[in-house]
Amino acid sequence: IVDANKAAVMAYGYSYQELLSINISVLRKNWSLTEQQMAQTKESWI
């Protein structure tokens, strides 16, 4: 995570700096599916 808004800080309970120090896999436990979806985003909005 390279940037997050105030709504993210409120929703996740992490400070802004904590959010910037973690990987999205901490928020979403299924990393293999996340990687697949990240690859799909290069083509279009998903």
All heavy atoms as atom14 arrays in JSON, in Angstrom:
{
  "sequence": "IVDANKAAVMAYGYSYQELLSINISVLRKNWSLTEQQMAQTKESWI",
  "atom14_mask": [
    [1, 1, 1, 1, 1, 1, 1, 1, 0, 0, 0, 0, 0, 0],
    [1, 1, 1, 1, 1, 1, 1, 0, 0, 0, 0, 0, 0, 0],
    [1, 1, 1, 1, 1, 1, 1, 1, 0, 0, 0, 0, 0, 0],
    [1, 1, 1, 1, 1, 0, 0, 0, 0, 0, 0, 0, 0, 0],
    [1, 1, 1, 1, 1, 1, 1, 1, 0, 0, 0, 0, 0, 0],
    [1, 1, 1, 1, 1, 1, 1, 1, 1, 0, 0, 0, 0, 0],
    [1, 1, 1, 1, 1, 0, 0, 0, 0, 0, 0, 0, 0, 0],
    [1, 1, 1, 1, 1, 0, 0, 0, 0, 0, 0, 0, 0, 0],
    [1, 1, 1, 1, 1, 1, 1, 0, 0, 0, 0, 0, 0, 0],
    [1, 1, 1, 1, 1, 1, 1, 1, 0, 0, 0, 0, 0, 0],
    [1, 1, 1, 1, 1, 0, 0, 0, 0, 0, 0, 0, 0, 0],
    [1, 1, 1, 1, 1, 1, 1, 1, 1, 1, 1, 1, 0, 0],
    [1, 1, 1, 1, 0, 0, 0, 0, 0, 0, 0, 0, 0, 0],
    [1, 1, 1, 1, 1, 1, 1, 1, 1, 1, 1, 1, 0, 0],
    [1, 1, 1, 1, 1, 1, 0, 0, 0, 0, 0, 0, 0, 0],
    [1, 1, 1, 1, 1, 1, 1, 1, 1, 1, 1, 1, 0, 0],
    [1, 1, 1, 1, 1, 1, 1, 1, 1, 0, 0, 0, 0, 0],
    [1, 1, 1, 1, 1, 1, 1, 1, 1, 0, 0, 0, 0, 0],
    [1, 1, 1, 1, 1, 1, 1, 1, 0, 0, 0, 0, 0, 0],
    [1, 1, 1, 1, 1, 1, 1, 1, 0, 0, 0, 0, 0, 0],
    [1, 1, 1, 1, 1, 1, 0, 0, 0, 0, 0, 0, 0, 0],
    [1, 1, 1, 1, 1, 1, 1, 1, 0, 0, 0, 0, 0, 0],
    [1, 1, 1, 1, 1, 1, 1, 1, 0, 0, 0, 0, 0, 0],
    [1, 1, 1, 1, 1, 1, 1, 1, 0, 0, 0, 0, 0, 0],
    [1, 1, 1, 1, 1, 1, 0, 0, 0, 0, 0, 0, 0, 0],
    [1, 1, 1, 1, 1, 1, 1, 0, 0, 0, 0, 0, 0, 0],
    [1, 1, 1, 1, 1, 1, 1, 1, 0, 0, 0, 0, 0, 0],
    [1, 1, 1, 1, 1, 1, 1, 1, 1, 1, 1, 0, 0, 0],
    [1, 1, 1, 1, 1, 1, 1, 1, 1, 0, 0, 0, 0, 0],
    [1, 1, 1, 1, 1, 1, 1, 1, 0, 0, 0, 0, 0, 0],
    [1, 1, 1, 1, 1, 1, 1, 1, 1, 1, 1, 1, 1, 1],
    [1, 1, 1, 1, 1, 1, 0, 0, 0, 0, 0, 0, 0, 0],
    [1, 1, 1, 1, 1, 1, 1, 1, 0, 0, 0, 0, 0, 0],
    [1, 1, 1, 1, 1, 1, 1, 0, 0, 0, 0, 0, 0, 0],
    [1, 1, 1, 1, 1, 1, 1, 1, 1, 0, 0, 0, 0, 0],
    [1, 1, 1, 1, 1, 1, 1, 1, 1, 0, 0, 0, 0, 0],
    [1, 1, 1, 1, 1, 1, 1, 1, 1, 0, 0, 0, 0, 0],
    [1, 1, 1, 1, 1, 1, 1, 1, 0, 0, 0, 0, 0, 0],
    [1, 1, 1, 1, 1, 0, 0, 0, 0, 0, 0, 0, 0, 0],
    [1, 1, 1, 1, 1, 1, 1, 1, 1, 0, 0, 0, 0, 0],
    [1, 1, 1, 1, 1, 1, 1, 0, 0, 0, 0, 0, 0, 0],
    [1, 1, 1, 1, 1, 1, 1, 1, 1, 0, 0, 0, 0, 0],
    [1, 1, 1, 1, 1, 1, 1, 1, 1, 0, 0, 0, 0, 0],
    [1, 1, 1, 1, 1, 1, 0, 0, 0, 0, 0, 0, 0, 0],
    [1, 1, 1, 1, 1, 1, 1, 1, 1, 1, 1, 1, 1, 1],
    [1, 1, 1, 1, 1, 1, 1, 1, 0, 0, 0, 0, 0, 0]
  ],
  "atom14_positions": [
    [[0.86, -1.18, 0.0], [0.0, 0.0, 0.0], [0.9, 1.23, 0.0], [1.75, 1.38, 0.88], [-0.94, 0.0, 1.22], [-1.86, -1.23, 1.16], [-1.75, 1.3, 1.29], [-2.66, -1.47, 2.42], [0.0, 0.0, 0.0], [0.0, 0.0, 0.0], [0.0, 0.0, 0.0], [0.0, 0.0, 0.0], [0.0, 0.0, 0.0], [0.0, 0.0, 0.0]],
    [[0.73, 2.1, -1.0], [1.58, 3.29, -1.09], [0.84, 4.57, -0.72], [1.46, 5.6, -0.48], [2.24, 3.42, -2.49], [3.17, 2.26, -2.76], [1.2, 3.54, -3.59], [0.0, 0.0, 0.0], [0.0, 0.0, 0.0], [0.0, 0.0, 0.0], [0.0, 0.0, 0.0], [0.0, 0.0, 0.0], [0.0, 0.0, 0.0], [0.0, 0.0, 0.0]],
    [[-0.49, 4.5, -0.66], [-1.27, 5.64, -0.18], [-2.65, 5.14, 0.23], [-3.13, 4.13, -0.27], [-1.4, 6.72, -1.26], [-1.71, 8.1, -0.68], [-1.86, 8.23, 0.57], [-1.82, 9.06, -1.47], [0.0, 0.0, 0.0], [0.0, 0.0, 0.0], [0.0, 0.0, 0.0], [0.0, 0.0, 0.0], [0.0, 0.0, 0.0], [0.0, 0.0, 0.0]],
    [[-3.24, 5.86, 1.17], [-4.57, 5.51, 1.68], [-5.25, 6.78, 2.14], [-4.58, 7.73, 2.57], [-4.44, 4.52, 2.84], [0.0, 0.0, 0.0], [0.0, 0.0, 0.0], [0.0, 0.0, 0.0], [0.0, 0.0, 0.0], [0.0, 0.0, 0.0], [0.0, 0.0, 0.0], [0.0, 0.0, 0.0], [0.0, 0.0, 0.0], [0.0, 0.0, 0.0]],
    [[-6.57, 6.8, 2.07], [-7.29, 7.99, 2.51], [-7.77, 7.84, 3.96], [-7.56, 6.8, 4.6], [-8.44, 8.33, 1.56], [-9.56, 7.31, 1.58], [-9.46, 6.24, 2.18], [-10.65, 7.63, 0.9], [0.0, 0.0, 0.0], [0.0, 0.0, 0.0], [0.0, 0.0, 0.0], [0.0, 0.0, 0.0], [0.0, 0.0, 0.0], [0.0, 0.0, 0.0]],
    [[-8.42, 8.9, 4.46], [-8.91, 8.89, 5.84], [-9.93, 7.79, 6.07], [-9.97, 7.18, 7.14], [-9.55, 10.24, 6.19], [-8.57, 11.38, 6.29], [-9.31, 12.66, 6.62], [-8.8, 13.75, 5.71], [-9.6, 14.96, 5.76], [0.0, 0.0, 0.0], [0.0, 0.0, 0.0], [0.0, 0.0, 0.0], [0.0, 0.0, 0.0], [0.0, 0.0, 0.0]],
    [[-10.76, 7.51, 5.08], [-11.77, 6.46, 5.21], [-11.1, 5.1, 5.44], [-11.61, 4.27, 6.19], [-12.66, 6.42, 3.97], [0.0, 0.0, 0.0], [0.0, 0.0, 0.0], [0.0, 0.0, 0.0], [0.0, 0.0, 0.0], [0.0, 0.0, 0.0], [0.0, 0.0, 0.0], [0.0, 0.0, 0.0], [0.0, 0.0, 0.0], [0.0, 0.0, 0.0]],
    [[-9.94, 4.87, 4.83], [-9.2, 3.62, 5.03], [-8.7, 3.52, 6.47], [-8.8, 2.47, 7.1], [-8.04, 3.52, 4.04], [0.0, 0.0, 0.0], [0.0, 0.0, 0.0], [0.0, 0.0, 0.0], [0.0, 0.0, 0.0], [0.0, 0.0, 0.0], [0.0, 0.0, 0.0], [0.0, 0.0, 0.0], [0.0, 0.0, 0.0], [0.0, 0.0, 0.0]],
    [[-8.16, 4.61, 6.96], [-7.67, 4.64, 8.34], [-8.81, 4.32, 9.3], [-8.66, 3.5, 10.22], [-7.02, 6.01, 8.67], [-6.71, 6.15, 10.15], [-5.77, 6.23, 7.82], [0.0, 0.0, 0.0], [0.0, 0.0, 0.0], [0.0, 0.0, 0.0], [0.0, 0.0, 0.0], [0.0, 0.0, 0.0], [0.0, 0.0, 0.0], [0.0, 0.0, 0.0]],
    [[-9.96, 4.94, 9.08], [-11.12, 4.71, 9.95], [-11.63, 3.26, 9.84], [-11.94, 2.64, 10.85], [-12.25, 5.67, 9.59], [-11.9, 7.14, 9.76], [-11.8, 7.63, 11.46], [-13.5, 7.53, 11.92], [0.0, 0.0, 0.0], [0.0, 0.0, 0.0], [0.0, 0.0, 0.0], [0.0, 0.0, 0.0], [0.0, 0.0, 0.0], [0.0, 0.0, 0.0]],
    [[-11.7, 2.74, 8.64], [-12.29, 1.41, 8.43], [-11.41, 0.28, 8.95], [-11.91, -0.68, 9.53], [-12.56, 1.2, 6.94], [0.0, 0.0, 0.0], [0.0, 0.0, 0.0], [0.0, 0.0, 0.0], [0.0, 0.0, 0.0], [0.0, 0.0, 0.0], [0.0, 0.0, 0.0], [0.0, 0.0, 0.0], [0.0, 0.0, 0.0], [0.0, 0.0, 0.0]],
    [[-10.11, 0.4, 8.75], [-9.22, -0.71, 9.08], [-8.65, -0.63, 10.5], [-8.17, -1.63, 11.02], [-8.07, -0.81, 8.08], [-8.54, -1.15, 6.69], [-8.38, -0.26, 5.64], [-9.16, -2.37, 6.42], [-8.82, -0.57, 4.37], [-9.59, -2.69, 5.15], [-9.42, -1.79, 4.12], [-9.86, -2.1, 2.87], [0.0, 0.0, 0.0], [0.0, 0.0, 0.0]],
    [[-8.67, 0.55, 11.1], [-8.14, 0.68, 12.45], [-6.63, 0.8, 12.52], [-6.05, 0.81, 13.6], [0.0, 0.0, 0.0], [0.0, 0.0, 0.0], [0.0, 0.0, 0.0], [0.0, 0.0, 0.0], [0.0, 0.0, 0.0], [0.0, 0.0, 0.0], [0.0, 0.0, 0.0], [0.0, 0.0, 0.0], [0.0, 0.0, 0.0], [0.0, 0.0, 0.0]],
    [[-5.97, 0.91, 11.39], [-4.53, 1.15, 11.34], [-4.3, 2.64, 11.21], [-5.13, 3.35, 10.63], [-3.89, 0.48, 10.11], [-3.84, -1.02, 10.14], [-4.82, -1.78, 9.52], [-2.79, -1.68, 10.76], [-4.77, -3.17, 9.52], [-2.73, -3.07, 10.77], [-3.72, -3.8, 10.15], [-3.67, -5.17, 10.16], [0.0, 0.0, 0.0], [0.0, 0.0, 0.0]],
    [[-3.17, 3.12, 11.71], [-2.81, 4.51, 11.45], [-2.4, 4.61, 9.98], [-2.15, 3.59, 9.31], [-1.64, 4.94, 12.33], [-0.44, 4.3, 11.91], [0.0, 0.0, 0.0], [0.0, 0.0, 0.0], [0.0, 0.0, 0.0], [0.0, 0.0, 0.0], [0.0, 0.0, 0.0], [0.0, 0.0, 0.0], [0.0, 0.0, 0.0], [0.0, 0.0, 0.0]],
    [[-2.32, 5.83, 9.48], [-1.9, 6.05, 8.1], [-0.52, 5.43, 7.86], [-0.31, 4.71, 6.88], [-1.89, 7.55, 7.79], [-1.4, 7.9, 6.42], [-2.2, 7.69, 5.3], [-0.12, 8.45, 6.23], [-1.75, 8.0, 4.03], [0.33, 8.76, 4.96], [-0.48, 8.53, 3.86], [-0.04, 8.84, 2.6], [0.0, 0.0, 0.0], [0.0, 0.0, 0.0]],
    [[0.41, 5.68, 8.77], [1.77, 5.13, 8.62], [1.78, 3.61, 8.67], [2.53, 2.97, 7.94], [2.71, 5.71, 9.7], [3.03, 7.17, 9.51], [3.64, 7.46, 8.14], [4.44, 6.7, 7.61], [3.23, 8.58, 7.54], [0.0, 0.0, 0.0], [0.0, 0.0, 0.0], [0.0, 0.0, 0.0], [0.0, 0.0, 0.0], [0.0, 0.0, 0.0]],
    [[0.93, 3.02, 9.51], [0.85, 1.56, 9.55], [0.34, 1.01, 8.23], [0.85, 0.0, 7.73], [-0.07, 1.1, 10.7], [0.53, 1.27, 12.07], [-0.46, 0.95, 13.18], [-1.65, 1.36, 13.07], [-0.03, 0.32, 14.15], [0.0, 0.0, 0.0], [0.0, 0.0, 0.0], [0.0, 0.0, 0.0], [0.0, 0.0, 0.0], [0.0, 0.0, 0.0]],
    [[-0.68, 1.65, 7.65], [-1.2, 1.19, 6.36], [-0.11, 1.22, 5.29], [-0.02, 0.31, 4.46], [-2.39, 2.03, 5.92], [-3.73, 1.69, 6.56], [-4.79, 2.73, 6.2], [-4.2, 0.3, 6.18], [0.0, 0.0, 0.0], [0.0, 0.0, 0.0], [0.0, 0.0, 0.0], [0.0, 0.0, 0.0], [0.0, 0.0, 0.0], [0.0, 0.0, 0.0]],
    [[0.72, 2.25, 5.33], [1.78, 2.37, 4.32], [2.91, 1.37, 4.54], [3.79, 1.24, 3.69], [2.34, 3.79, 4.29], [1.35, 4.88, 3.9], [2.09, 6.21, 3.69], [0.53, 4.53, 2.68], [0.0, 0.0, 0.0], [0.0, 0.0, 0.0], [0.0, 0.0, 0.0], [0.0, 0.0, 0.0], [0.0, 0.0, 0.0], [0.0, 0.0, 0.0]],
    [[2.9, 0.67, 5.65], [3.96, -0.3, 5.92], [3.5, -1.74, 5.7], [4.27, -2.67, 5.96], [4.47, -0.14, 7.36], [3.48, -0.56, 8.28], [0.0, 0.0, 0.0], [0.0, 0.0, 0.0], [0.0, 0.0, 0.0], [0.0, 0.0, 0.0], [0.0, 0.0, 0.0], [0.0, 0.0, 0.0], [0.0, 0.0, 0.0], [0.0, 0.0, 0.0]],
    [[2.27, -1.93, 5.23], [1.78, -3.3, 5.07], [1.44, -3.6, 3.61], [1.3, -2.72, 2.78], [0.55, -3.58, 5.97], [-0.65, -2.7, 5.59], [0.89, -3.44, 7.43], [-1.92, -3.04, 6.35], [0.0, 0.0, 0.0], [0.0, 0.0, 0.0], [0.0, 0.0, 0.0], [0.0, 0.0, 0.0], [0.0, 0.0, 0.0], [0.0, 0.0, 0.0]],
    [[1.28, -4.88, 3.37], [0.88, -5.4, 2.07], [-0.63, -5.6, 2.07], [-1.21, -5.88, 3.13], [1.61, -6.73, 1.83], [1.46, -7.22, 0.41], [0.38, -7.65, 0.0], [2.55, -7.17, -0.34], [0.0, 0.0, 0.0], [0.0, 0.0, 0.0], [0.0, 0.0, 0.0], [0.0, 0.0, 0.0], [0.0, 0.0, 0.0], [0.0, 0.0, 0.0]],
    [[-1.25, -5.49, 0.94], [-2.7, -5.67, 0.83], [-3.12, -7.06, 1.33], [-4.24, -7.25, 1.79], [-3.19, -5.42, -0.63], [-4.71, -5.31, -0.68], [-2.68, -6.48, -1.58], [-5.28, -4.12, 0.01], [0.0, 0.0, 0.0], [0.0, 0.0, 0.0], [0.0, 0.0, 0.0], [0.0, 0.0, 0.0], [0.0, 0.0, 0.0], [0.0, 0.0, 0.0]],
    [[-2.2, -8.02, 1.32], [-2.51, -9.37, 1.8], [-2.82, -9.4, 3.29], [-3.44, -10.34, 3.77], [-1.37, -10.34, 1.48], [-0.19, -9.95, 2.16], [0.0, 0.0, 0.0], [0.0, 0.0, 0.0], [0.0, 0.0, 0.0], [0.0, 0.0, 0.0], [0.0, 0.0, 0.0], [0.0, 0.0, 0.0], [0.0, 0.0, 0.0], [0.0, 0.0, 0.0]],
    [[-2.43, -8.37, 4.03], [-2.78, -8.28, 5.45], [-4.27, -7.96, 5.59], [-4.94, -8.46, 6.5], [-1.92, -7.2, 6.16], [-2.4, -6.94, 7.58], [-0.45, -7.6, 6.14], [0.0, 0.0, 0.0], [0.0, 0.0, 0.0], [0.0, 0.0, 0.0], [0.0, 0.0, 0.0], [0.0, 0.0, 0.0], [0.0, 0.0, 0.0], [0.0, 0.0, 0.0]],
    [[-4.79, -7.15, 4.68], [-6.2, -6.78, 4.71], [-7.07, -7.84, 4.04], [-8.26, -7.95, 4.35], [-6.42, -5.44, 4.0], [-5.59, -4.26, 4.51], [-5.88, -3.02, 3.7], [-5.83, -4.04, 5.99], [0.0, 0.0, 0.0], [0.0, 0.0, 0.0], [0.0, 0.0, 0.0], [0.0, 0.0, 0.0], [0.0, 0.0, 0.0], [0.0, 0.0, 0.0]],
    [[-6.49, -8.55, 3.13], [-7.24, -9.56, 2.35], [-6.38, -10.81, 2.28], [-5.38, -10.86, 1.59], [-7.47, -8.99, 0.95], [-8.31, -9.87, 0.12], [-8.73, -9.17, -1.15], [-9.43, -10.15, -1.95], [-9.29, -10.26, -3.24], [-8.51, -9.43, -3.89], [-9.95, -11.18, -3.89], [0.0, 0.0, 0.0], [0.0, 0.0, 0.0], [0.0, 0.0, 0.0]],
    [[-6.78, -11.83, 2.96], [-5.93, -13.0, 3.21], [-5.63, -13.87, 1.99], [-4.7, -14.64, 2.01], [-6.56, -13.88, 4.3], [-6.9, -13.15, 5.57], [-5.69, -12.65, 6.3], [-6.08, -12.03, 7.63], [-5.1, -11.17, 8.18], [0.0, 0.0, 0.0], [0.0, 0.0, 0.0], [0.0, 0.0, 0.0], [0.0, 0.0, 0.0], [0.0, 0.0, 0.0]],
    [[-6.37, -13.77, 0.91], [-6.21, -14.65, -0.24], [-5.25, -14.02, -1.26], [-5.67, -13.39, -2.24], [-7.57, -14.94, -0.88], [-7.5, -16.02, -1.92], [-6.45, -16.32, -2.46], [-8.65, -16.61, -2.22], [0.0, 0.0, 0.0], [0.0, 0.0, 0.0], [0.0, 0.0, 0.0], [0.0, 0.0, 0.0], [0.0, 0.0, 0.0], [0.0, 0.0, 0.0]],
    [[-3.95, -14.22, -1.08], [-2.94, -13.56, -1.91], [-2.95, -14.07, -3.35], [-2.8, -13.29, -4.28], [-1.54, -13.68, -1.31], [-0.5, -13.04, -2.16], [0.54, -13.65, -2.78], [-0.42, -11.65, -2.52], [1.27, -12.73, -3.5], [0.7, -11.5, -3.36], [-1.19, -10.54, -2.23], [1.08, -10.27, -3.9], [-0.82, -9.31, -2.77], [0.31, -9.19, -3.59]],
    [[-3.15, -15.36, -3.58], [-3.1, -15.86, -4.96], [-4.23, -15.27, -5.8], [-4.02, -14.88, -6.94], [-3.14, -17.4, -5.0], [-4.34, -17.86, -4.43], [0.0, 0.0, 0.0], [0.0, 0.0, 0.0], [0.0, 0.0, 0.0], [0.0, 0.0, 0.0], [0.0, 0.0, 0.0], [0.0, 0.0, 0.0], [0.0, 0.0, 0.0], [0.0, 0.0, 0.0]],
    [[-5.43, -15.17, -5.22], [-6.54, -14.54, -5.95], [-6.27, -13.05, -6.15], [-6.54, -12.5, -7.21], [-7.86, -14.74, -5.2], [-9.11, -14.13, -5.86], [-9.31, -14.67, -7.27], [-10.33, -14.38, -4.99], [0.0, 0.0, 0.0], [0.0, 0.0, 0.0], [0.0, 0.0, 0.0], [0.0, 0.0, 0.0], [0.0, 0.0, 0.0], [0.0, 0.0, 0.0]],
    [[-5.69, -12.41, -5.15], [-5.36, -10.98, -5.25], [-4.38, -10.75, -6.4], [-4.56, -9.83, -7.2], [-4.76, -10.47, -3.92], [-5.7, -10.69, -2.88], [-4.42, -8.99, -4.0], [0.0, 0.0, 0.0], [0.0, 0.0, 0.0], [0.0, 0.0, 0.0], [0.0, 0.0, 0.0], [0.0, 0.0, 0.0], [0.0, 0.0, 0.0], [0.0, 0.0, 0.0]],
    [[-3.37, -11.6, -6.52], [-2.4, -11.48, -7.62], [-3.07, -11.62, -8.98], [-2.77, -10.86, -9.91], [-1.29, -12.53, -7.49], [-0.24, -12.19, -6.48], [0.87, -13.22, -6.46], [0.56, -14.43, -6.37], [2.04, -12.81, -6.55], [0.0, 0.0, 0.0], [0.0, 0.0, 0.0], [0.0, 0.0, 0.0], [0.0, 0.0, 0.0], [0.0, 0.0, 0.0]],
    [[-3.98, -12.58, -9.1], [-4.7, -12.77, -10.37], [-5.51, -11.53, -10.72], [-5.51, -11.08, -11.87], [-5.65, -13.97, -10.26], [-4.96, -15.3, -10.18], [-5.95, -16.42, -9.88], [-7.15, -16.24, -9.91], [-5.42, -17.6, -9.58], [0.0, 0.0, 0.0], [0.0, 0.0, 0.0], [0.0, 0.0, 0.0], [0.0, 0.0, 0.0], [0.0, 0.0, 0.0]],
    [[-6.21, -10.98, -9.73], [-7.03, -9.8, -9.98], [-6.16, -8.59, -10.31], [-6.52, -7.77, -11.15], [-7.94, -9.53, -8.79], [-9.03, -10.57, -8.68], [-9.8, -10.52, -7.38], [-9.27, -10.16, -6.34], [-11.07, -10.89, -7.44], [0.0, 0.0, 0.0], [0.0, 0.0, 0.0], [0.0, 0.0, 0.0], [0.0, 0.0, 0.0], [0.0, 0.0, 0.0]],
    [[-5.0, -8.49, -9.66], [-4.09, -7.38, -9.97], [-3.64, -7.46, -11.43], [-3.56, -6.43, -12.1], [-2.89, -7.39, -9.01], [-3.26, -6.97, -7.59], [-1.95, -7.27, -6.38], [-0.74, -6.05, -6.85], [0.0, 0.0, 0.0], [0.0, 0.0, 0.0], [0.0, 0.0, 0.0], [0.0, 0.0, 0.0], [0.0, 0.0, 0.0], [0.0, 0.0, 0.0]],
    [[-3.37, -8.63, -11.91], [-2.96, -8.81, -13.3], [-4.08, -8.4, -14.25], [-3.83, -7.8, -15.3], [-2.53, -10.25, -13.55], [0.0, 0.0, 0.0], [0.0, 0.0, 0.0], [0.0, 0.0, 0.0], [0.0, 0.0, 0.0], [0.0, 0.0, 0.0], [0.0, 0.0, 0.0], [0.0, 0.0, 0.0], [0.0, 0.0, 0.0], [0.0, 0.0, 0.0]],
    [[-5.32, -8.71, -13.9], [-6.47, -8.35, -14.75], [-6.65, -6.84, -14.86], [-7.17, -6.36, -15.86], [-7.76, -8.96, -14.19], [-7.84, -10.45, -14.29], [-9.07, -11.0, -13.56], [-9.77, -10.28, -12.87], [-9.31, -12.28, -13.73], [0.0, 0.0, 0.0], [0.0, 0.0, 0.0], [0.0, 0.0, 0.0], [0.0, 0.0, 0.0], [0.0, 0.0, 0.0]],
    [[-6.23, -6.09, -13.86], [-6.45, -4.64, -13.88], [-5.64, -3.94, -14.96], [-5.94, -2.8, -15.3], [-6.09, -4.0, -12.52], [-4.7, -4.17, -12.27], [-6.92, -4.58, -11.4], [0.0, 0.0, 0.0], [0.0, 0.0, 0.0], [0.0, 0.0, 0.0], [0.0, 0.0, 0.0], [0.0, 0.0, 0.0], [0.0, 0.0, 0.0], [0.0, 0.0, 0.0]],
    [[-4.63, -4.6, -15.48], [-3.83, -3.97, -16.54], [-4.63, -3.83, -17.83], [-4.32, -3.01, -18.67], [-2.55, -4.78, -16.78], [-1.61, -4.72, -15.59], [-0.36, -5.53, -15.81], [0.53, -5.45, -14.59], [1.74, -6.26, -14.73], [0.0, 0.0, 0.0], [0.0, 0.0, 0.0], [0.0, 0.0, 0.0], [0.0, 0.0, 0.0], [0.0, 0.0, 0.0]],
    [[-5.68, -4.64, -17.96], [-6.52, -4.62, -19.16], [-7.69, -3.64, -19.03], [-8.02, -2.96, -19.98], [-7.08, -6.03, -19.43], [-6.01, -7.08, -19.6], [-5.1, -6.82, -20.78], [-5.59, -6.37, -21.83], [-3.88, -7.04, -20.64], [0.0, 0.0, 0.0], [0.0, 0.0, 0.0], [0.0, 0.0, 0.0], [0.0, 0.0, 0.0], [0.0, 0.0, 0.0]],
    [[-8.31, -3.61, -17.87], [-9.48, -2.75, -17.69], [-9.83, -2.67, -16.21], [-9.25, -3.37, -15.39], [-10.68, -3.32, -18.47], [-11.07, -4.56, -17.92], [0.0, 0.0, 0.0], [0.0, 0.0, 0.0], [0.0, 0.0, 0.0], [0.0, 0.0, 0.0], [0.0, 0.0, 0.0], [0.0, 0.0, 0.0], [0.0, 0.0, 0.0], [0.0, 0.0, 0.0]],
    [[-10.82, -1.84, -15.91], [-11.36, -1.79, -14.56], [-11.93, -3.15, -14.23], [-12.55, -3.78, -15.08], [-12.48, -0.75, -14.45], [-11.99, 0.65, -14.31], [-11.78, 1.53, -15.32], [-11.65, 1.34, -13.1], [-11.34, 2.73, -14.82], [-11.25, 2.64, -13.45], [-11.66, 0.97, -11.75], [-10.84, 3.56, -12.5], [-11.26, 1.9, -10.82], [-10.86, 3.18, -11.19]],
    [[-11.74, -3.6, -13.01], [-12.42, -4.82, -12.58], [-13.2, -4.52, -11.31], [-12.88, -3.59, -10.56], [-11.46, -6.02, -12.37], [-10.5, -5.78, -11.2], [-10.73, -6.35, -13.64], [-9.76, -7.04, -10.78], [0.0, 0.0, 0.0], [0.0, 0.0, 0.0], [0.0, 0.0, 0.0], [0.0, 0.0, 0.0], [0.0, 0.0, 0.0], [0.0, 0.0, 0.0]]
  ]
}
